C-alpha atoms as a PDB file:
ATOM      1  CA  MET A   1     -19.418  14.191   9.516  1.00  0.00           C
ATOM      2  CA  GLY A   2     -19.489  10.985   7.538  1.00  0.00           C
ATOM      3  CA  ALA A   3     -17.403   7.925   8.270  1.00  0.00           C
ATOM      4  CA  PRO A   4     -15.348   7.640  11.461  1.00  0.00           C
ATOM      5  CA  TYR A   5     -11.703   8.598  11.122  1.00  0.00           C
ATOM      6  CA  LEU A   6      -8.471   8.288  13.043  1.00  0.00           C
ATOM      7  CA  THR A   7      -5.443  10.533  12.863  1.00  0.00           C
ATOM      8  CA  VAL A   8      -2.113   8.778  13.413  1.00  0.00           C
ATOM      9  CA  HIS A   9       1.376  10.244  13.294  1.00  0.00           C
ATOM     10  CA  ARG A  10       3.362   8.702  10.429  1.00  0.00           C
ATOM     11  CA  ALA A  11       6.195   7.453  12.694  1.00  0.00           C
ATOM     12  CA  ASP A  12       3.667   5.750  15.009  1.00  0.00           C
ATOM     13  CA  LEU A  13       2.001   4.035  12.050  1.00  0.00           C
ATOM     14  CA  GLN A  14       5.367   2.875  10.693  1.00  0.00           C
ATOM     15  CA  ARG A  15       6.313   1.413  14.098  1.00  0.00           C
ATOM     16  CA  ALA A  16       2.960  -0.354  14.421  1.00  0.00           C
ATOM     17  CA  LEU A  17       3.165  -1.870  10.931  1.00  0.00           C
ATOM     18  CA  ALA A  18       6.803  -2.945  11.377  1.00  0.00           C
ATOM     19  CA  GLY A  19       5.907  -4.517  14.726  1.00  0.00           C
ATOM     20  CA  ALA A  20       3.027  -6.457  13.166  1.00  0.00           C
ATOM     21  CA  VAL A  21       5.354  -7.794  10.459  1.00  0.00           C
ATOM     22  CA  GLU A  22       7.926  -8.885  13.043  1.00  0.00           C
ATOM     23  CA  ASP A  23       5.267 -10.547  15.223  1.00  0.00           C
ATOM     24  CA  SER A  24       3.567 -12.535  12.466  1.00  0.00           C
ATOM     25  CA  PRO A  25       5.303 -14.996  10.151  1.00  0.00           C
ATOM     26  CA  SER A  26       2.290 -14.837   7.806  1.00  0.00           C
ATOM     27  CA  ILE A  27       2.905 -11.134   7.039  1.00  0.00           C
ATOM     28  CA  GLY A  28       5.664 -10.173   4.622  1.00  0.00           C
ATOM     29  CA  MET A  29       7.236  -6.952   3.436  1.00  0.00           C
ATOM     30  CA  LEU A  30       8.553  -6.324  -0.049  1.00  0.00           C
ATOM     31  CA  LEU A  31      11.096  -3.497   0.110  1.00  0.00           C
ATOM     32  CA  GLY A  32      12.822  -1.645  -2.705  1.00  0.00           C
ATOM     33  CA  ALA A  33      10.958  -3.435  -5.493  1.00  0.00           C
ATOM     34  CA  ALA A  34       9.769  -1.509  -8.535  1.00  0.00           C
ATOM     35  CA  VAL A  35       6.288  -2.786  -9.326  1.00  0.00           C
ATOM     36  CA  GLU A  36       5.777  -3.262 -13.066  1.00  0.00           C
ATOM     37  CA  LYS A  37       2.168  -4.438 -12.927  1.00  0.00           C
ATOM     38  CA  ALA A  38      -0.522  -4.556 -10.259  1.00  0.00           C
ATOM     39  CA  THR A  39      -3.978  -6.115 -10.496  1.00  0.00           C
ATOM     40  CA  THR A  40      -6.789  -6.657  -8.027  1.00  0.00           C
ATOM     41  CA  GLY A  41      -9.459  -9.314  -7.921  1.00  0.00           C
ATOM     42  CA  SER A  42     -11.801 -11.152  -5.589  1.00  0.00           C
ATOM     43  CA  ASP A  43      -8.827 -13.053  -4.146  1.00  0.00           C
ATOM     44  CA  GLY A  44      -6.705  -9.950  -3.391  1.00  0.00           C
ATOM     45  CA  VAL A  45      -3.866  -8.290  -5.261  1.00  0.00           C
ATOM     46  CA  ARG A  46      -1.098  -9.512  -7.571  1.00  0.00           C
ATOM     47  CA  LEU A  47       2.128  -7.597  -8.105  1.00  0.00           C
ATOM     48  CA  THR A  48       4.714  -8.206 -10.801  1.00  0.00           C
ATOM     49  CA  THR A  49       8.292  -7.026 -10.216  1.00  0.00           C
ATOM     50  CA  ALA A  50      11.651  -7.848 -11.794  1.00  0.00           C
ATOM     51  CA  GLU A  51      12.026 -10.451  -9.010  1.00  0.00           C
ATOM     52  CA  GLY A  52       8.779 -12.253  -9.873  1.00  0.00           C
ATOM     53  CA  GLU A  53       5.072 -12.266  -9.093  1.00  0.00           C
ATOM     54  CA  PHE A  54       3.619 -11.852  -5.608  1.00  0.00           C
ATOM     55  CA  ALA A  55       0.047 -12.345  -4.371  1.00  0.00           C
ATOM     56  CA  ALA A  56      -1.606 -11.153  -1.172  1.00  0.00           C
ATOM     57  CA  GLY A  57      -5.026 -10.689   0.350  1.00  0.00           C
ATOM     58  CA  LEU A  58      -4.136  -7.168   1.495  1.00  0.00           C
ATOM     59  CA  LEU A  59      -1.677  -4.590   0.198  1.00  0.00           C
ATOM     60  CA  ILE A  60      -0.387  -1.547   2.057  1.00  0.00           C
ATOM     61  CA  ALA A  61       1.204   0.722  -0.518  1.00  0.00           C
ATOM     62  CA  ALA A  62       3.662   2.763   1.536  1.00  0.00           C
ATOM     63  CA  ASP A  63       5.526   4.328  -1.363  1.00  0.00           C
ATOM     64  CA  GLY A  64       4.819   7.969  -0.643  1.00  0.00           C
ATOM     65  CA  VAL A  65       2.444  10.795  -1.375  1.00  0.00           C
ATOM     66  CA  ARG A  66       2.890  10.516  -5.154  1.00  0.00           C
ATOM     67  CA  SER A  67       2.545   6.744  -5.039  1.00  0.00           C
ATOM     68  CA  ASP A  68       3.450   4.942  -8.262  1.00  0.00           C
ATOM     69  CA  LEU A  69       1.663   1.858  -6.956  1.00  0.00           C
ATOM     70  CA  ARG A  70      -1.556   3.797  -6.308  1.00  0.00           C
ATOM     71  CA  ALA A  71      -1.319   5.159  -9.859  1.00  0.00           C
ATOM     72  CA  LEU A  72      -1.009   1.606 -11.246  1.00  0.00           C
ATOM     73  CA  LEU A  73      -4.069   0.413  -9.326  1.00  0.00           C
ATOM     74  CA  SER A  74      -6.120   3.592  -9.730  1.00  0.00           C
ATOM     75  CA  PRO A  75      -4.864   5.817 -12.587  1.00  0.00           C
ATOM     76  CA  GLU A  76      -7.523   8.459 -11.893  1.00  0.00           C
ATOM     77  CA  SER A  77      -5.930   9.097  -8.473  1.00  0.00           C
ATOM     78  CA  ARG A  78      -3.225  11.186 -10.166  1.00  0.00           C
ATOM     79  CA  GLN A  79      -5.745  13.344 -12.029  1.00  0.00           C
ATOM     80  CA  THR A  80      -6.954  15.278  -8.988  1.00  0.00           C
ATOM     81  CA  ASP A  81      -5.061  17.324  -6.431  1.00  0.00           C
ATOM     82  CA  ARG A  82      -6.329  16.727  -2.933  1.00  0.00           C
ATOM     83  CA  PRO A  83      -5.764  19.123  -0.042  1.00  0.00           C
ATOM     84  CA  HIS A  84      -5.145  16.286   2.412  1.00  0.00           C
ATOM     85  CA  LEU A  85      -3.073  13.161   2.899  1.00  0.00           C
ATOM     86  CA  GLY A  86      -4.384   9.902   4.285  1.00  0.00           C
ATOM     87  CA  VAL A  87      -4.284   6.163   4.425  1.00  0.00           C
END
C-alpha cells in the first residue's frame, strides 16, 4: 500500500511535540505570529513576521486544516480538496 504510515491522535501528537520543545533548548516555538512570507531552501526555511525574520532547519506548521502557512509554501495545496487530513 505504498509508504509506511502512522496514525496518531491529535492530542497525543501535541503532547509529544510540546514535550520535545520543553526538553530541548535548541527547539523553539513561535506562537501567535502571522507569517507574512515563507521561503524554503537547501538550508531550511525562513519566515518573516511583524516581529522579524526567523530561520530553521525544520518547520512544523501547526496552524490548522486550512493552513495559511502551507498555502504560502505550497499555493497549489489550496486548489484541491482532499478527503483526508494528515501531517
